[in-house]
């Protein structure tokens, strides 16, 4: 069976979970986690030799892909090309993840653990809230500004 437990599937799941943990907490590490996830997906597909692509117009990933293409086409009439290229770079995940999930094997592997994905996302978001609150409180208490500055500058 395709979802048999093996090192390739654990590697893909681990990198996806790592990405879920890093998104709310350590934003600078997210591009490296995305790259690791892509490499894990390619490794998984190479070992499985199951490259079947499943495209459905009802799928939301096709919509995100088309939105990125529309954004790229909008550069044709833009006067600020560097800003537009930066915008495309920021929205690069809108094209990477839909391409990643077009492969049926990867989609089934990730969606098989949807409950764990939600649990990890909730844990990471809660950890991020407490981490940033604690960091803000520490900076506030060591620098002694007003409470207005705490809520406006440190906590935001």
Protein backbone atom coordinates (compact mmCIF):
# COMPACT_ATOMS: atom_id res chain seq x y z
CA UNK A 1 0.00 0.00 0.00
CA UNK A 2 1.08 3.55 -0.70
CA UNK A 3 0.78 4.81 2.87
CA UNK A 4 2.93 2.02 4.30
CA UNK A 5 5.16 3.27 7.10
CA UNK A 6 8.70 3.72 5.81
CA UNK A 7 11.58 6.16 6.08
CA UNK A 8 10.45 8.22 3.07
CA UNK A 9 6.97 8.84 4.45
CA UNK A 10 8.34 9.68 7.91
CA UNK A 11 10.78 12.14 6.34
CA UNK A 12 7.99 13.96 4.47
CA UNK A 13 5.75 14.03 7.53
CA UNK A 14 8.58 15.24 9.76
CA UNK A 15 9.48 18.10 7.42
CA UNK A 16 5.81 19.09 7.07
CA UNK A 17 5.39 19.10 10.85
CA UNK A 18 8.62 21.08 11.18
CA UNK A 19 7.25 23.65 8.75
CA UNK A 20 4.03 23.88 10.76
CA UNK A 21 6.03 24.49 13.93
CA UNK A 22 8.29 27.10 12.38
CA UNK A 23 5.68 29.25 10.62
CA UNK A 24 4.27 31.00 13.72
CA UNK A 25 7.46 31.01 15.80
CA UNK A 26 10.60 31.44 13.68
CA UNK A 27 9.71 33.14 10.41
CA UNK A 28 13.32 33.37 9.20
CA UNK A 29 13.66 29.57 9.17
CA UNK A 30 10.51 29.00 7.09
CA UNK A 31 12.19 29.20 3.63
CA UNK A 32 14.69 26.54 4.68
CA UNK A 33 11.88 24.32 5.99
CA UNK A 34 10.00 24.76 2.70
CA UNK A 35 13.12 23.78 0.76
CA UNK A 36 13.57 20.75 3.00
CA UNK A 37 9.92 19.79 2.45
CA UNK A 38 10.33 20.01 -1.32
CA UNK A 39 13.47 17.86 -1.21
CA UNK A 40 11.70 15.34 1.04
CA UNK A 41 8.76 15.21 -1.38
CA UNK A 42 11.04 14.63 -4.36
CA UNK A 43 12.88 11.91 -2.42
CA UNK A 44 9.56 10.29 -1.49
CA UNK A 45 8.30 10.33 -5.08
CA UNK A 46 11.63 9.02 -6.40
CA UNK A 47 11.66 6.09 -3.97
CA UNK A 48 7.98 5.26 -4.56
CA UNK A 49 8.17 5.71 -8.34
CA UNK A 50 4.57 6.94 -8.14
CA UNK A 51 4.44 10.20 -10.08
CA UNK A 52 0.70 10.25 -10.78
CA UNK A 53 -0.68 13.78 -10.95
CA UNK A 54 -4.29 14.43 -10.07
CA UNK A 55 -5.75 17.77 -11.18
CA UNK A 56 -9.28 18.82 -10.32
CA UNK A 57 -10.78 22.21 -11.08
CA UNK A 58 -12.68 21.92 -7.81
CA UNK A 59 -9.39 21.80 -5.95
CA UNK A 60 -8.34 25.02 -4.22
CA UNK A 61 -4.68 24.53 -5.13
CA UNK A 62 -5.51 25.20 -8.78
CA UNK A 63 -7.08 28.50 -7.75
CA UNK A 64 -3.97 29.56 -5.81
CA UNK A 65 -1.78 28.61 -8.77
CA UNK A 66 -3.96 30.68 -11.13
CA UNK A 67 -3.90 33.62 -8.72
CA UNK A 68 -0.09 33.56 -8.73
CA UNK A 69 -0.07 33.43 -12.53
CA UNK A 70 -2.47 36.40 -12.62
CA UNK A 71 -0.16 38.30 -10.28
CA UNK A 72 2.78 37.48 -12.55
CA UNK A 73 0.86 38.68 -15.60
CA UNK A 74 0.03 41.93 -13.83
CA UNK A 75 3.72 42.80 -14.04
CA UNK A 76 3.23 43.44 -17.76
CA UNK A 77 1.50 46.74 -17.06
CA UNK A 78 3.28 47.61 -13.81
CA UNK A 79 5.58 50.62 -13.51
CA UNK A 80 7.31 49.36 -10.39
CA UNK A 81 8.85 46.07 -11.56
CA UNK A 82 11.18 45.54 -8.54
CA UNK A 83 8.24 45.85 -6.15
CA UNK A 84 6.22 43.44 -8.30
CA UNK A 85 9.04 40.90 -8.38
CA UNK A 86 9.33 41.13 -4.59
CA UNK A 87 5.56 40.55 -4.36
CA UNK A 88 5.92 37.43 -6.52
CA UNK A 89 8.76 36.22 -4.33
CA UNK A 90 6.65 36.65 -1.21
CA UNK A 91 3.77 34.78 -2.84
CA UNK A 92 6.01 31.99 -4.12
CA UNK A 93 4.41 29.53 -1.71
CA UNK A 94 1.16 30.04 -3.65
CA UNK A 95 2.79 28.21 -6.56
CA UNK A 96 5.08 25.81 -4.69
CA UNK A 97 2.48 24.13 -2.46
CA UNK A 98 -0.13 23.62 -5.20
CA UNK A 99 2.54 21.95 -7.34
CA UNK A 100 3.60 19.89 -4.33
CA UNK A 101 0.06 18.68 -3.67
CA UNK A 102 -0.70 17.89 -7.31
CA UNK A 103 1.04 14.57 -6.78
CA UNK A 104 -1.55 12.15 -5.50
CA UNK A 105 0.91 10.21 -3.32
CA UNK A 106 2.06 13.32 -1.44
CA UNK A 107 -1.47 14.60 -0.98
CA UNK A 108 -2.63 11.27 0.46
CA UNK A 109 0.42 11.07 2.72
CA UNK A 110 -0.13 14.52 4.23
CA UNK A 111 -3.92 14.38 4.45
CA UNK A 112 -3.75 10.96 6.11
CA UNK A 113 -2.56 12.72 9.29
CA UNK A 114 -4.91 15.71 9.21
CA UNK A 115 -5.71 15.42 12.95
CA UNK A 116 -2.02 15.54 13.85
CA UNK A 117 -1.56 18.50 11.52
CA UNK A 118 -4.24 20.46 13.35
CA UNK A 119 -2.81 19.50 16.76
CA UNK A 120 0.68 20.62 15.76
CA UNK A 121 -0.63 23.88 14.29
CA UNK A 122 -2.59 24.66 17.46
CA UNK A 123 0.44 23.82 19.63
CA UNK A 124 2.76 25.96 17.50
CA UNK A 125 0.39 28.92 17.49
CA UNK A 126 -0.16 28.70 21.27
CA UNK A 127 3.59 28.39 21.85
CA UNK A 128 4.16 31.39 19.61
CA UNK A 129 1.68 33.49 21.60
CA UNK A 130 3.32 32.66 24.93
CA UNK A 131 6.83 33.00 23.51
CA UNK A 132 6.20 36.46 22.07
CA UNK A 133 4.27 37.58 25.15
CA UNK A 134 7.11 36.47 27.40
CA UNK A 135 9.70 38.14 25.18
CA UNK A 136 7.71 41.38 25.12
CA UNK A 137 7.24 41.32 28.87
CA UNK A 138 10.96 40.72 29.43
CA UNK A 139 11.96 43.63 27.17
CA UNK A 140 9.32 45.81 28.81
CA UNK A 141 10.46 45.04 32.35
CA UNK A 142 14.15 45.58 31.57
CA UNK A 143 13.67 48.91 29.77
CA UNK A 144 10.86 50.42 31.97
CA UNK A 145 8.75 52.25 29.36
CA UNK A 146 5.07 53.11 29.79
CA UNK A 147 2.26 50.55 29.51
CA UNK A 148 1.05 52.17 26.29
CA UNK A 149 4.41 51.45 24.72
CA UNK A 150 4.23 47.84 25.92
CA UNK A 151 0.94 47.19 24.14
CA UNK A 152 1.84 49.21 21.07
CA UNK A 153 5.53 48.54 20.46
CA UNK A 154 6.54 45.36 22.26
CA UNK A 155 3.46 43.17 22.00
CA UNK A 156 2.54 43.93 18.39
